[in-house]
């Protein structure tokens, strides 16, 4: 039996008027009347009493059929919805941790590309310091993490580089050296330095401080800040200079001048690495990691 017969029957049963039911269904009255007659013939009972005086009324058979027809249509619709859902990929939530440099690098572009190509995947971001992010990866609380390179990592965490960023100086725009093309660590050594704490990147901090020592210098660390935007806010306030990734040029900060450094070793850079738990890289995570690589290659060193 055609499921449309039940839809036509319910429309007439609810309206108790063939003309209104036909308009509701978007059809002519004559085909609707024929459909009801076919259903009655199929069942061998009359479903409606038609009278010019009292109008259209349900028979006892019609009253009994109505709730069953409603249930049948609901079950039919549920079956159709279930079949459609089976053809759609199951939604996936990808948990991605990041240090601030990730937002200045390939992360935003990878999220946009993923949203366009994989609407079944939602990316949930969690910001943190490198050590904390790696712990969350090891514990399975993050699928991927973008972090600064470290000498030691938790067992079971695989890592690889995504991009390298040169280190530059961020100076207050009123600083005596703000207009130079390059400055040296010796030029800046007597000024207050704003540096990130060890928890935000112990290996990178250690490498920066060693670069000062190699020139016989001791920097004046007077402020610490966990994130690059906070460091730049302190620089803009005139509280000192900071050493930041070149990508920081693209942050919307006024009263800050960015100047290249002439004497840092080539081996010292503000790297961005990707980490994941060994043996637990899902298909969606691999896809997202590939988009991070594409974005990093497109931007190049120090690009936005």
Foldseek 3Di string as FASTA:
>chain_A
DDLVLLVLLLLCQVVLALCVSQVVVVHDSVVSVVSQVVVCVVVVHHQWDADPVPGIDGDPVVVVVNVVSVVVVVVVVVVVVVVVVVVDDAAEEAEEEEAQVCVLFLNVVLQVVCCVPPVSYHYDYDYDAAQVVLVCQQVVVHAKYKYWDDPDGDPQKDKDFQAWFAKWKKAQCPDPCLPDQEDACVRAQVWEEEEADCRRPVVLVVLVQVLQVVVPGGHHHDHHDNHPVVRNVCRNVVRTMYIDTLSCVPDPDPRIGIHGYDRRDPVRTGTIMMMHGPPRNDPSNVSSVVSSNVRNVVQHHSGD
